[in-house]
C-alpha atoms as a PDB file:
ATOM      1  CA  MET A   1      -5.314   6.647 -28.867  1.00  0.00           C
ATOM      2  CA  ASP A   2      -8.402   4.482 -28.121  1.00  0.00           C
ATOM      3  CA  LEU A   3      -7.036   1.903 -25.478  1.00  0.00           C
ATOM      4  CA  GLY A   4     -10.286  -0.472 -26.579  1.00  0.00           C
ATOM      5  CA  ILE A   5     -11.290  -0.850 -22.816  1.00  0.00           C
ATOM      6  CA  SER A   6     -14.239   1.131 -22.582  1.00  0.00           C
ATOM      7  CA  GLY A   7     -16.927  -0.807 -20.797  1.00  0.00           C
ATOM      8  CA  ARG A   8     -14.651  -2.976 -19.075  1.00  0.00           C
ATOM      9  CA  ARG A   9     -14.769  -3.213 -15.081  1.00  0.00           C
ATOM     10  CA  ALA A  10     -11.925  -2.550 -12.809  1.00  0.00           C
ATOM     11  CA  ALA A  11     -11.065  -2.920  -9.101  1.00  0.00           C
ATOM     12  CA  VAL A  12      -8.809  -0.608  -8.039  1.00  0.00           C
ATOM     13  CA  ALA A  13      -7.374  -1.146  -4.466  1.00  0.00           C
ATOM     14  CA  ALA A  14      -6.416   1.781  -2.084  1.00  0.00           C
ATOM     15  CA  ALA A  15      -7.650   4.424  -4.375  1.00  0.00           C
ATOM     16  CA  SER A  16      -8.794   7.200  -2.188  1.00  0.00           C
ATOM     17  CA  GLN A  17      -5.612   9.219  -3.107  1.00  0.00           C
ATOM     18  CA  GLY A  18      -2.107   8.814  -4.457  1.00  0.00           C
ATOM     19  CA  LEU A  19      -1.115   6.536  -7.171  1.00  0.00           C
ATOM     20  CA  GLY A  20      -4.388   4.340  -6.778  1.00  0.00           C
ATOM     21  CA  PHE A  21      -6.454   7.311  -7.431  1.00  0.00           C
ATOM     22  CA  GLY A  22      -4.466   8.342 -10.458  1.00  0.00           C
ATOM     23  CA  VAL A  23      -4.860   4.771 -12.043  1.00  0.00           C
ATOM     24  CA  ALA A  24      -8.705   4.716 -11.207  1.00  0.00           C
ATOM     25  CA  ALA A  25      -9.001   8.180 -12.559  1.00  0.00           C
ATOM     26  CA  ALA A  26      -7.226   7.401 -16.005  1.00  0.00           C
ATOM     27  CA  LEU A  27      -9.169   3.950 -16.517  1.00  0.00           C
ATOM     28  CA  ALA A  28     -12.462   6.046 -15.718  1.00  0.00           C
ATOM     29  CA  ALA A  29     -11.511   8.589 -18.410  1.00  0.00           C
ATOM     30  CA  GLU A  30     -11.072   5.586 -21.016  1.00  0.00           C
ATOM     31  CA  GLY A  31     -14.751   4.388 -20.133  1.00  0.00           C
ATOM     32  CA  VAL A  32     -13.965   1.745 -17.662  1.00  0.00           C
ATOM     33  CA  HIS A  33     -16.547   1.151 -15.014  1.00  0.00           C
ATOM     34  CA  VAL A  34     -14.312   1.465 -11.782  1.00  0.00           C
ATOM     35  CA  ALA A  35     -14.827   0.332  -8.129  1.00  0.00           C
ATOM     36  CA  ILE A  36     -12.343   1.606  -5.666  1.00  0.00           C
ATOM     37  CA  CYS A  37     -11.705   1.155  -1.831  1.00  0.00           C
ATOM     38  CA  GLY A  38     -10.361   2.786   1.151  1.00  0.00           C
ATOM     39  CA  ARG A  39     -10.775   2.538   4.793  1.00  0.00           C
ATOM     40  CA  HIS A  40     -12.951   5.520   5.403  1.00  0.00           C
ATOM     41  CA  ARG A  41     -16.345   6.215   4.060  1.00  0.00           C
ATOM     42  CA  GLU A  42     -15.809  10.011   3.708  1.00  0.00           C
ATOM     43  CA  THR A  43     -12.723   9.844   1.954  1.00  0.00           C
ATOM     44  CA  ILE A  44     -13.564   7.198  -0.422  1.00  0.00           C
ATOM     45  CA  ASP A  45     -16.809   8.571  -1.375  1.00  0.00           C
ATOM     46  CA  ALA A  46     -15.149  12.021  -2.038  1.00  0.00           C
ATOM     47  CA  ALA A  47     -12.421  10.183  -4.182  1.00  0.00           C
ATOM     48  CA  ALA A  48     -15.368   8.442  -6.109  1.00  0.00           C
ATOM     49  CA  GLU A  49     -17.088  11.843  -6.624  1.00  0.00           C
ATOM     50  CA  ARG A  50     -13.848  13.317  -7.853  1.00  0.00           C
ATOM     51  CA  ILE A  51     -13.600  10.515 -10.507  1.00  0.00           C
ATOM     52  CA  GLY A  52     -17.135  10.731 -11.648  1.00  0.00           C
ATOM     53  CA  SER A  53     -18.267   8.450 -14.167  1.00  0.00           C
ATOM     54  CA  GLY A  54     -20.387   6.495 -11.699  1.00  0.00           C
ATOM     55  CA  ALA A  55     -17.403   5.334  -9.891  1.00  0.00           C
ATOM     56  CA  VAL A  56     -18.335   2.734  -7.013  1.00  0.00           C
ATOM     57  CA  ALA A  57     -16.700   3.629  -3.429  1.00  0.00           C
ATOM     58  CA  ILE A  58     -16.375   0.624  -1.287  1.00  0.00           C
ATOM     59  CA  VAL A  59     -15.127   0.726   2.246  1.00  0.00           C
ATOM     60  CA  ALA A  60     -12.344  -2.014   2.716  1.00  0.00           C
ATOM     61  CA  ASP A  61      -9.219  -2.473   4.578  1.00  0.00           C
ATOM     62  CA  VAL A  62      -6.800  -4.390   1.967  1.00  0.00           C
ATOM     63  CA  SER A  63      -4.126  -4.682   4.716  1.00  0.00           C
ATOM     64  CA  THR A  64      -5.201  -8.447   5.257  1.00  0.00           C
ATOM     65  CA  PRO A  65      -5.907 -11.187   2.766  1.00  0.00           C
ATOM     66  CA  ASP A  66      -9.556 -11.433   4.135  1.00  0.00           C
ATOM     67  CA  GLY A  67     -10.043  -7.655   3.633  1.00  0.00           C
ATOM     68  CA  ALA A  68      -8.264  -7.542   0.336  1.00  0.00           C
ATOM     69  CA  ALA A  69     -10.539 -10.591  -1.135  1.00  0.00           C
ATOM     70  CA  GLY A  70     -13.595  -9.040   0.063  1.00  0.00           C
ATOM     71  CA  PHE A  71     -13.004  -5.857  -1.673  1.00  0.00           C
ATOM     72  CA  VAL A  72     -12.718  -7.595  -4.986  1.00  0.00           C
ATOM     73  CA  ARG A  73     -16.099  -9.740  -4.113  1.00  0.00           C
ATOM     74  CA  ASP A  74     -17.809  -6.597  -3.424  1.00  0.00           C
ATOM     75  CA  ALA A  75     -16.294  -4.937  -6.603  1.00  0.00           C
ATOM     76  CA  ARG A  76     -17.587  -7.827  -8.381  1.00  0.00           C
ATOM     77  CA  ALA A  77     -21.055  -7.641  -7.140  1.00  0.00           C
ATOM     78  CA  ALA A  78     -21.280  -3.807  -7.798  1.00  0.00           C
ATOM     79  CA  LEU A  79     -20.130  -3.986 -11.417  1.00  0.00           C
ATOM     80  CA  GLY A  80     -21.263  -7.519 -12.343  1.00  0.00           C
ATOM     81  CA  GLY A  81     -17.649  -8.710 -12.907  1.00  0.00           C
ATOM     82  CA  VAL A  82     -14.150  -7.801 -12.739  1.00  0.00           C
ATOM     83  CA  ASP A  83     -11.959  -7.645 -15.924  1.00  0.00           C
ATOM     84  CA  ILE A  84      -8.911  -5.486 -14.530  1.00  0.00           C
ATOM     85  CA  LEU A  85      -7.645  -5.672 -11.238  1.00  0.00           C
ATOM     86  CA  VAL A  86      -5.147  -3.198  -9.672  1.00  0.00           C
ATOM     87  CA  PRO A  87      -3.659  -4.628  -6.359  1.00  0.00           C
ATOM     88  CA  ASN A  88      -2.149  -1.540  -4.068  1.00  0.00           C
ATOM     89  CA  ALA A  89      -1.451  -0.960  -0.564  1.00  0.00           C
ATOM     90  CA  GLY A  90       0.370   1.536   1.660  1.00  0.00           C
ATOM     91  CA  GLY A  91       3.889   0.380   2.770  1.00  0.00           C
ATOM     92  CA  PRO A  92       4.979  -1.113   6.260  1.00  0.00           C
ATOM     93  CA  PRO A  93       6.962   0.871   8.839  1.00  0.00           C
ATOM     94  CA  PRO A  94      10.671   1.853   7.985  1.00  0.00           C
ATOM     95  CA  GLY A  95      13.415   0.121   9.506  1.00  0.00           C
ATOM     96  CA  ASN A  96      16.629  -1.630   8.908  1.00  0.00           C
ATOM     97  CA  PHE A  97      18.028  -5.183   9.876  1.00  0.00           C
ATOM     98  CA  VAL A  98      19.049  -3.964  13.400  1.00  0.00           C
ATOM     99  CA  SER A  99      15.551  -2.281  14.235  1.00  0.00           C
ATOM    100  CA  THR A 100      13.335  -4.774  12.726  1.00  0.00           C
ATOM    101  CA  THR A 101      12.127  -8.025  14.388  1.00  0.00           C
ATOM    102  CA  VAL A 102      11.490 -11.298  12.633  1.00  0.00           C
ATOM    103  CA  ASP A 103       7.742 -11.144  13.519  1.00  0.00           C
ATOM    104  CA  GLN A 104       7.418  -7.810  11.715  1.00  0.00           C
ATOM    105  CA  TYR A 105       8.079  -9.509   8.588  1.00  0.00           C
ATOM    106  CA  LEU A 106       4.585 -11.406   8.986  1.00  0.00           C
ATOM    107  CA  ASP A 107       2.701  -8.010   9.068  1.00  0.00           C
ATOM    108  CA  ALA A 108       4.787  -6.743   5.969  1.00  0.00           C
ATOM    109  CA  PHE A 109       3.955  -9.826   3.982  1.00  0.00           C
ATOM    110  CA  GLU A 110       0.295  -9.601   4.900  1.00  0.00           C
ATOM    111  CA  LEU A 111       0.039  -5.988   3.661  1.00  0.00           C
ATOM    112  CA  ASN A 112       2.368  -6.214   0.568  1.00  0.00           C
ATOM    113  CA  CYS A 113       2.344  -9.884  -0.608  1.00  0.00           C
ATOM    114  CA  ARG A 114      -0.605 -12.127   0.708  1.00  0.00           C
ATOM    115  CA  SER A 115      -3.297  -9.480   0.272  1.00  0.00           C
ATOM    116  CA  ALA A 116      -2.445  -8.899  -3.274  1.00  0.00           C
ATOM    117  CA  ILE A 117      -2.147 -12.582  -3.982  1.00  0.00           C
ATOM    118  CA  ALA A 118      -5.519 -13.001  -2.335  1.00  0.00           C
ATOM    119  CA  MET A 119      -7.078 -10.279  -4.732  1.00  0.00           C
ATOM    120  CA  CYS A 120      -5.548 -12.389  -7.456  1.00  0.00           C
ATOM    121  CA  TYR A 121      -7.058 -15.686  -6.358  1.00  0.00           C
ATOM    122  CA  GLU A 122     -10.396 -13.991  -6.169  1.00  0.00           C
ATOM    123  CA  ALA A 123     -10.245 -12.175  -9.725  1.00  0.00           C
ATOM    124  CA  VAL A 124      -8.090 -14.197 -11.936  1.00  0.00           C
ATOM    125  CA  PRO A 125     -10.227 -17.429 -12.367  1.00  0.00           C
ATOM    126  CA  ALA A 126     -13.022 -15.404 -13.900  1.00  0.00           C
ATOM    127  CA  MET A 127     -10.786 -13.723 -15.902  1.00  0.00           C
ATOM    128  CA  ARG A 128      -9.277 -17.078 -17.326  1.00  0.00           C
ATOM    129  CA  GLU A 129     -12.823 -18.407 -18.042  1.00  0.00           C
ATOM    130  CA  GLN A 130     -13.766 -15.355 -20.207  1.00  0.00           C
ATOM    131  CA  GLN A 131     -10.450 -15.398 -21.840  1.00  0.00           C
ATOM    132  CA  TRP A 132      -9.753 -11.860 -21.004  1.00  0.00           C
ATOM    133  CA  GLY A 133      -8.118 -10.078 -18.106  1.00  0.00           C
ATOM    134  CA  ARG A 134      -5.513  -7.576 -16.703  1.00  0.00           C
ATOM    135  CA  VAL A 135      -3.544  -7.371 -13.496  1.00  0.00           C
ATOM    136  CA  VAL A 136      -1.509  -4.368 -12.890  1.00  0.00           C
ATOM    137  CA  ALA A 137      -0.054  -4.315  -9.390  1.00  0.00           C
ATOM    138  CA  ILE A 138       1.637  -1.221  -7.875  1.00  0.00           C
ATOM    139  CA  THR A 139       4.604  -2.241  -6.132  1.00  0.00           C
ATOM    140  CA  SER A 140       7.916  -0.230  -5.732  1.00  0.00           C
ATOM    141  CA  ILE A 141      11.161   0.791  -7.430  1.00  0.00           C
ATOM    142  CA  ALA A 142      12.489  -0.978  -4.227  1.00  0.00           C
ATOM    143  CA  VAL A 143      11.844  -4.171  -6.104  1.00  0.00           C
ATOM    144  CA  ARG A 144      14.743  -3.500  -8.459  1.00  0.00           C
ATOM    145  CA  GLN A 145      16.798  -1.446  -6.199  1.00  0.00           C
ATOM    146  CA  PRO A 146      16.343  -1.898  -2.306  1.00  0.00           C
ATOM    147  CA  ILE A 147      15.791   1.521  -0.526  1.00  0.00           C
ATOM    148  CA  ALA A 148      17.810   2.103   2.738  1.00  0.00           C
ATOM    149  CA  HIS A 149      15.666   1.912   6.102  1.00  0.00           C
ATOM    150  CA  LEU A 150      12.785   0.224   4.207  1.00  0.00           C
ATOM    151  CA  ILE A 151      13.697  -3.475   4.629  1.00  0.00           C
ATOM    152  CA  LEU A 152      10.436  -4.718   5.212  1.00  0.00           C
ATOM    153  CA  SER A 153       8.889  -3.287   2.041  1.00  0.00           C
ATOM    154  CA  ASN A 154      12.082  -4.351   0.161  1.00  0.00           C
ATOM    155  CA  THR A 155      11.232  -8.033   1.003  1.00  0.00           C
ATOM    156  CA  ALA A 156       7.672  -8.113   0.878  1.00  0.00           C
ATOM    157  CA  ARG A 157       7.321  -6.395  -2.448  1.00  0.00           C
ATOM    158  CA  ALA A 158      10.062  -8.566  -4.011  1.00  0.00           C
ATOM    159  CA  ALA A 159       8.149 -11.582  -2.959  1.00  0.00           C
ATOM    160  CA  LEU A 160       4.957 -10.336  -4.772  1.00  0.00           C
ATOM    161  CA  THR A 161       7.034  -9.851  -7.799  1.00  0.00           C
ATOM    162  CA  GLY A 162       7.939 -13.262  -7.979  1.00  0.00           C
ATOM    163  CA  PHE A 163       4.597 -14.448  -7.472  1.00  0.00           C
ATOM    164  CA  LEU A 164       3.243 -12.198 -10.227  1.00  0.00           C
ATOM    165  CA  LYS A 165       5.905 -13.104 -12.666  1.00  0.00           C
ATOM    166  CA  THR A 166       4.984 -16.993 -12.097  1.00  0.00           C
ATOM    167  CA  LEU A 167       1.285 -16.106 -12.465  1.00  0.00           C
ATOM    168  CA  ALA A 168       1.814 -14.402 -15.719  1.00  0.00           C
ATOM    169  CA  THR A 169       3.388 -17.361 -17.179  1.00  0.00           C
ATOM    170  CA  GLU A 170       0.648 -19.755 -16.065  1.00  0.00           C
ATOM    171  CA  VAL A 171      -2.513 -17.331 -17.463  1.00  0.00           C
ATOM    172  CA  ALA A 172      -0.960 -15.939 -20.521  1.00  0.00           C
ATOM    173  CA  ARG A 173      -2.542 -18.516 -22.800  1.00  0.00           C
ATOM    174  CA  ASP A 174      -5.825 -17.458 -21.434  1.00  0.00           C
ATOM    175  CA  GLY A 175      -5.766 -13.946 -22.650  1.00  0.00           C
ATOM    176  CA  VAL A 176      -4.834 -12.604 -19.164  1.00  0.00           C
ATOM    177  CA  THR A 177      -1.673 -10.319 -18.657  1.00  0.00           C
ATOM    178  CA  VAL A 178      -0.069  -9.690 -15.248  1.00  0.00           C
ATOM    179  CA  ASN A 179       2.537  -6.926 -15.070  1.00  0.00           C
ATOM    180  CA  SER A 180       3.584  -4.667 -12.122  1.00  0.00           C
ATOM    181  CA  LEU A 181       4.418  -1.018 -12.129  1.00  0.00           C
ATOM    182  CA  LEU A 182       7.429   0.125 -10.034  1.00  0.00           C
ATOM    183  CA  PRO A 183       6.921   3.753  -8.870  1.00  0.00           C
ATOM    184  CA  GLY A 184       9.759   5.915  -7.698  1.00  0.00           C
ATOM    185  CA  LEU A 185       9.163   9.223  -5.911  1.00  0.00           C
ATOM    186  CA  HIS A 186       5.683  10.950  -6.821  1.00  0.00           C
ATOM    187  CA  ALA A 187       4.244  14.057  -5.599  1.00  0.00           C
ATOM    188  CA  THR A 188       1.580  12.119  -3.721  1.00  0.00           C
ATOM    189  CA  GLN A 189      -0.447  13.657  -0.888  1.00  0.00           C
ATOM    190  CA  ARG A 190       1.679  11.511   1.554  1.00  0.00           C
ATOM    191  CA  LEU A 191       5.156  12.742   0.194  1.00  0.00           C
ATOM    192  CA  THR A 192       4.063  16.311   0.218  1.00  0.00           C
ATOM    193  CA  ALA A 193       2.708  15.975   3.593  1.00  0.00           C
ATOM    194  CA  LEU A 194       5.910  14.594   4.892  1.00  0.00           C
ATOM    195  CA  ASN A 195       8.194  17.252   3.361  1.00  0.00           C
ATOM    196  CA  ASP A 196       8.252  21.103   3.055  1.00  0.00           C
ATOM    197  CA  ASP A 197       9.164  22.875  -0.432  1.00  0.00           C
ATOM    198  CA  ALA A 198      12.787  22.793   0.091  1.00  0.00           C
ATOM    199  CA  GLY A 199      12.483  19.133   1.083  1.00  0.00           C
ATOM    200  CA  LEU A 200      10.580  18.395  -2.012  1.00  0.00           C
ATOM    201  CA  ASP A 201      13.047  20.383  -4.224  1.00  0.00           C
ATOM    202  CA  SER A 202      15.815  18.290  -2.781  1.00  0.00           C
ATOM    203  CA  LEU A 203      14.320  14.966  -3.645  1.00  0.00           C
ATOM    204  CA  ALA A 204      13.196  16.262  -7.441  1.00  0.00           C
ATOM    205  CA  ALA A 205      17.080  17.375  -7.497  1.00  0.00           C
ATOM    206  CA  GLY A 206      17.942  13.614  -7.058  1.00  0.00           C
ATOM    207  CA  ILE A 207      16.156  12.099  -9.954  1.00  0.00           C
ATOM    208  CA  PRO A 208      17.664  12.405 -13.560  1.00  0.00           C
ATOM    209  CA  ALA A 209      14.238  13.816 -14.794  1.00  0.00           C
ATOM    210  CA  ARG A 210      14.656  16.680 -11.960  1.00  0.00           C
ATOM    211  CA  VAL A 211      10.933  16.546 -11.216  1.00  0.00           C
ATOM    212  CA  LEU A 212       9.059  14.291  -8.865  1.00  0.00           C
ATOM    213  CA  GLY A 213       6.272  11.900 -10.653  1.00  0.00           C
ATOM    214  CA  ASP A 214       2.715  12.885 -11.128  1.00  0.00           C
ATOM    215  CA  ALA A 215      -0.115  10.457 -10.077  1.00  0.00           C
ATOM    216  CA  ALA A 216      -1.950  11.320 -13.195  1.00  0.00           C
ATOM    217  CA  ASP A 217       0.923  10.266 -15.524  1.00  0.00           C
ATOM    218  CA  PHE A 218       1.544   7.163 -13.591  1.00  0.00           C
ATOM    219  CA  GLY A 219      -2.317   6.237 -14.073  1.00  0.00           C
ATOM    220  CA  GLN A 220      -1.892   6.855 -17.862  1.00  0.00           C
ATOM    221  CA  VAL A 221       0.926   4.187 -17.791  1.00  0.00           C
ATOM    222  CA  ALA A 222      -1.236   1.610 -15.871  1.00  0.00           C
ATOM    223  CA  ALA A 223      -4.177   2.318 -18.209  1.00  0.00           C
ATOM    224  CA  PHE A 224      -1.953   1.454 -21.235  1.00  0.00           C
ATOM    225  CA  LEU A 225      -0.844  -1.907 -19.635  1.00  0.00           C
ATOM    226  CA  CYS A 226      -4.655  -2.631 -19.343  1.00  0.00           C
ATOM    227  CA  SER A 227      -5.365  -1.781 -22.872  1.00  0.00           C
ATOM    228  CA  GLU A 228      -6.035  -4.010 -25.959  1.00  0.00           C
ATOM    229  CA  HIS A 229      -2.715  -2.538 -27.288  1.00  0.00           C
ATOM    230  CA  ALA A 230      -0.740  -4.120 -24.314  1.00  0.00           C
ATOM    231  CA  ARG A 231      -1.984  -7.825 -25.005  1.00  0.00           C
ATOM    232  CA  PHE A 232       1.399  -9.009 -25.645  1.00  0.00           C
ATOM    233  CA  VAL A 233       2.838  -7.404 -22.785  1.00  0.00           C
ATOM    234  CA  THR A 234       2.978  -9.575 -19.621  1.00  0.00           C
ATOM    235  CA  GLY A 235       5.375 -10.757 -16.872  1.00  0.00           C
ATOM    236  CA  THR A 236       6.841  -7.288 -16.731  1.00  0.00           C
ATOM    237  CA  ALA A 237       7.836  -5.152 -13.711  1.00  0.00           C
ATOM    238  CA  THR A 238       8.361  -1.730 -15.032  1.00  0.00           C
ATOM    239  CA  PRO A 239      10.006   1.120 -13.358  1.00  0.00           C
ATOM    240  CA  VAL A 240       8.164   4.576 -13.549  1.00  0.00           C
ATOM    241  CA  ASP A 241      10.677   6.694 -11.697  1.00  0.00           C
ATOM    242  CA  GLY A 242      11.992   9.515 -13.890  1.00  0.00           C
ATOM    243  CA  GLY A 243      15.227   7.537 -14.630  1.00  0.00           C
ATOM    244  CA  ALA A 244      16.150   7.092 -10.915  1.00  0.00           C
ATOM    245  CA  TYR A 245      16.953   3.346 -11.097  1.00  0.00           C
ATOM    246  CA  ALA A 246      20.309   2.923 -11.910  1.00  0.00           C
ATOM    247  CA  GLY A 247      20.744  -0.847 -13.080  1.00  0.00           C
ATOM    248  CA  LEU A 248      21.133  -1.905 -16.600  1.00  0.00           C
ATOM    249  CA  LEU A 249      18.280  -4.414 -16.504  1.00  0.00           C
END
């Protein structure tokens, strides 16, 4: 299927590996001009080389609003514009109510809420002017079903989801769609580094699909949401978790 986005320009945050890389690679395969970022020159250059198709590597730290907005500005300068924005960032430290201080929530909101909002403020106005744009944020299944010992992530990502839903309703008439994807457990480098084979098998056994997700498959879902075919899909928060989310809605 031709997604109708060849020649578009995308800024994909935190894409040196994992799900961000999967999304960037899937978009590049569709003919999208992609700019990706990471904190370290060596790793982000290596990721851009793996993606090919002239992917642009930008060193940026998107854990703060200033760094996140700066990435979008640099991507716009490198590509001549940004039609597709994929906000993404790692998660805050684990913890529960007892072990987490009030001040820690500020850092979590900077990382997983305000930084993504800053990217939208930098990219969306131009999308509205040209009457075409796509925002596909990578959040977490914790938005629908809070994960134990991840109170910071559960809280900050839920707040971002509220912002994205509100933004979607405000810009829909301008040809801009705003959606988010809620990944469950995927066999990313981070997950495989934290678990041996037995641990990974145990995690997969807890998923109805009985397998861990694949970053490349996740990228294909994101690419579809960026496509012309998905122009009537906006304001959604879609689990990509092999059926692990247990709720009805």
